[in-house]
Amino acid sequence: MISAQSGNTVYLSGHIAKKDGKPYAGKLGDTLSTEEGKAAARNVAIDLIATLRAAAI
């Protein structure tokens, strides 16, 4: 996970949705259910917030 700061803007990249330490793989509606897609999005959001928090401290 990468973060860079320019003034009061923080740029985040390199976040991948993971389940049990392994990346989610598949296509929503094909190999991933809607619930799995929601869980993947939630996991990425939590990781993004954690990275942003670490950059702000």
N, C-alpha and C. Protein backbone atom coordinates (compact mmCIF):
# COMPACT_ATOMS: atom_id res chain seq x y z
N MET A 1 0.83 -1.16 0.00
CA MET A 1 0.00 0.00 0.00
C MET A 1 0.88 1.24 0.00
N ILE A 2 0.53 2.13 -0.85
CA ILE A 2 1.35 3.33 -1.03
C ILE A 2 0.52 4.55 -0.70
N SER A 3 1.14 5.49 -0.02
CA SER A 3 0.51 6.78 0.19
C SER A 3 1.56 7.86 -0.04
N ALA A 4 1.11 8.96 -0.60
CA ALA A 4 1.96 10.11 -0.82
C ALA A 4 1.15 11.35 -0.44
N GLN A 5 1.83 12.35 0.07
CA GLN A 5 1.13 13.55 0.49
C GLN A 5 1.70 14.76 -0.23
N SER A 6 0.79 15.62 -0.67
CA SER A 6 1.15 16.88 -1.29
C SER A 6 0.26 17.95 -0.65
N GLY A 7 0.84 18.75 0.21
CA GLY A 7 0.04 19.74 0.95
C GLY A 7 -0.94 19.02 1.86
N ASN A 8 -2.22 19.32 1.72
CA ASN A 8 -3.21 18.66 2.57
C ASN A 8 -3.95 17.53 1.82
N THR A 9 -3.37 17.06 0.72
CA THR A 9 -3.95 15.97 -0.06
C THR A 9 -3.10 14.72 0.09
N VAL A 10 -3.75 13.59 0.39
CA VAL A 10 -3.06 12.31 0.51
C VAL A 10 -3.54 11.42 -0.63
N TYR A 11 -2.60 10.84 -1.37
CA TYR A 11 -2.89 9.93 -2.46
C TYR A 11 -2.66 8.50 -1.99
N LEU A 12 -3.63 7.63 -2.23
CA LEU A 12 -3.55 6.24 -1.80
C LEU A 12 -3.62 5.32 -3.02
N SER A 13 -2.84 4.25 -3.00
CA SER A 13 -2.92 3.26 -4.09
C SER A 13 -2.44 1.91 -3.58
N GLY A 14 -2.67 0.88 -4.38
CA GLY A 14 -2.16 -0.44 -4.06
C GLY A 14 -3.01 -1.25 -3.12
N HIS A 15 -4.28 -0.90 -2.97
CA HIS A 15 -5.16 -1.64 -2.07
C HIS A 15 -5.93 -2.69 -2.87
N ILE A 16 -5.95 -3.90 -2.35
CA ILE A 16 -6.63 -5.02 -3.00
C ILE A 16 -7.55 -5.68 -1.98
N ALA A 17 -8.77 -5.98 -2.42
CA ALA A 17 -9.71 -6.66 -1.53
C ALA A 17 -9.20 -8.07 -1.25
N LYS A 18 -9.17 -8.42 0.04
CA LYS A 18 -8.67 -9.75 0.42
C LYS A 18 -9.66 -10.43 1.36
N LYS A 19 -9.68 -11.75 1.28
CA LYS A 19 -10.47 -12.58 2.17
C LYS A 19 -9.56 -13.66 2.70
N ASP A 20 -9.41 -13.72 4.00
CA ASP A 20 -8.50 -14.70 4.63
C ASP A 20 -7.08 -14.58 4.08
N GLY A 21 -6.65 -13.34 3.81
CA GLY A 21 -5.29 -13.10 3.34
C GLY A 21 -5.07 -13.32 1.85
N LYS A 22 -6.11 -13.73 1.13
CA LYS A 22 -5.98 -13.99 -0.31
C LYS A 22 -6.85 -13.00 -1.08
N PRO A 23 -6.37 -12.51 -2.23
CA PRO A 23 -7.17 -11.55 -3.01
C PRO A 23 -8.48 -12.17 -3.51
N TYR A 24 -9.54 -11.36 -3.47
CA TYR A 24 -10.78 -11.77 -4.11
C TYR A 24 -10.50 -11.86 -5.61
N ALA A 25 -10.98 -12.87 -6.25
CA ALA A 25 -10.80 -13.01 -7.70
C ALA A 25 -12.13 -13.41 -8.30
N GLY A 26 -12.48 -12.81 -9.40
CA GLY A 26 -13.72 -13.16 -10.07
C GLY A 26 -14.42 -11.93 -10.59
N LYS A 27 -15.61 -12.19 -11.11
CA LYS A 27 -16.41 -11.12 -11.70
C LYS A 27 -17.75 -11.08 -10.96
N LEU A 28 -18.11 -9.89 -10.50
CA LEU A 28 -19.35 -9.71 -9.76
C LEU A 28 -20.54 -10.15 -10.62
N GLY A 29 -21.38 -11.00 -10.05
CA GLY A 29 -22.54 -11.50 -10.78
C GLY A 29 -22.25 -12.76 -11.57
N ASP A 30 -20.97 -13.06 -11.77
CA ASP A 30 -20.58 -14.26 -12.51
C ASP A 30 -20.00 -15.29 -11.54
N THR A 31 -18.85 -14.96 -10.95
CA THR A 31 -18.21 -15.87 -10.00
C THR A 31 -18.23 -15.33 -8.58
N LEU A 32 -18.63 -14.08 -8.40
CA LEU A 32 -18.77 -13.49 -7.06
C LEU A 32 -20.22 -13.05 -6.86
N SER A 33 -20.76 -13.37 -5.70
CA SER A 33 -22.12 -12.94 -5.39
C SER A 33 -22.12 -11.46 -4.99
N THR A 34 -23.31 -10.90 -4.93
CA THR A 34 -23.44 -9.51 -4.49
C THR A 34 -22.91 -9.35 -3.07
N GLU A 35 -23.19 -10.32 -2.21
CA GLU A 35 -22.70 -10.25 -0.83
C GLU A 35 -21.17 -10.29 -0.78
N GLU A 36 -20.55 -11.12 -1.61
CA GLU A 36 -19.09 -11.17 -1.66
C GLU A 36 -18.53 -9.86 -2.18
N GLY A 37 -19.22 -9.24 -3.14
CA GLY A 37 -18.80 -7.94 -3.65
C GLY A 37 -18.88 -6.86 -2.59
N LYS A 38 -19.94 -6.89 -1.80
CA LYS A 38 -20.08 -5.93 -0.69
C LYS A 38 -18.96 -6.12 0.32
N ALA A 39 -18.67 -7.37 0.64
CA ALA A 39 -17.60 -7.65 1.61
C ALA A 39 -16.25 -7.18 1.08
N ALA A 40 -15.99 -7.40 -0.21
CA ALA A 40 -14.73 -6.97 -0.82
C ALA A 40 -14.61 -5.45 -0.76
N ALA A 41 -15.69 -4.74 -1.10
CA ALA A 41 -15.67 -3.27 -1.06
C ALA A 41 -15.45 -2.77 0.36
N ARG A 42 -16.09 -3.41 1.33
CA ARG A 42 -15.92 -3.02 2.73
C ARG A 42 -14.48 -3.22 3.19
N ASN A 43 -13.89 -4.34 2.81
CA ASN A 43 -12.50 -4.62 3.20
C ASN A 43 -11.54 -3.59 2.62
N VAL A 44 -11.74 -3.21 1.36
CA VAL A 44 -10.88 -2.20 0.75
C VAL A 44 -11.07 -0.85 1.44
N ALA A 45 -12.31 -0.50 1.75
CA ALA A 45 -12.57 0.77 2.43
C ALA A 45 -11.88 0.83 3.79
N ILE A 46 -11.93 -0.26 4.53
CA ILE A 46 -11.26 -0.31 5.83
C ILE A 46 -9.76 -0.14 5.66
N ASP A 47 -9.18 -0.83 4.66
CA ASP A 47 -7.74 -0.69 4.41
C ASP A 47 -7.37 0.74 4.01
N LEU A 48 -8.20 1.37 3.17
CA LEU A 48 -7.94 2.75 2.76
C LEU A 48 -7.97 3.69 3.96
N ILE A 49 -8.96 3.52 4.83
CA ILE A 49 -9.06 4.37 6.02
C ILE A 49 -7.85 4.17 6.93
N ALA A 50 -7.42 2.93 7.10
CA ALA A 50 -6.25 2.64 7.94
C ALA A 50 -4.99 3.30 7.36
N THR A 51 -4.81 3.22 6.04
CA THR A 51 -3.65 3.82 5.40
C THR A 51 -3.71 5.35 5.53
N LEU A 52 -4.88 5.91 5.34
CA LEU A 52 -5.05 7.37 5.47
C LEU A 52 -4.76 7.80 6.91
N ARG A 53 -5.24 7.05 7.87
CA ARG A 53 -4.99 7.37 9.27
C ARG A 53 -3.51 7.33 9.59
N ALA A 54 -2.82 6.29 9.08
CA ALA A 54 -1.37 6.19 9.33
C ALA A 54 -0.62 7.36 8.70
N ALA A 55 -1.07 7.83 7.54
CA ALA A 55 -0.42 8.95 6.86
C ALA A 55 -0.67 10.26 7.60
N ALA A 56 -1.80 10.35 8.31
CA ALA A 56 -2.17 11.59 8.99
C ALA A 56 -1.50 11.73 10.36
N ILE A 57 -0.97 10.66 10.89
CA ILE A 57 -0.35 10.73 12.22
C ILE A 57 1.07 11.21 12.13
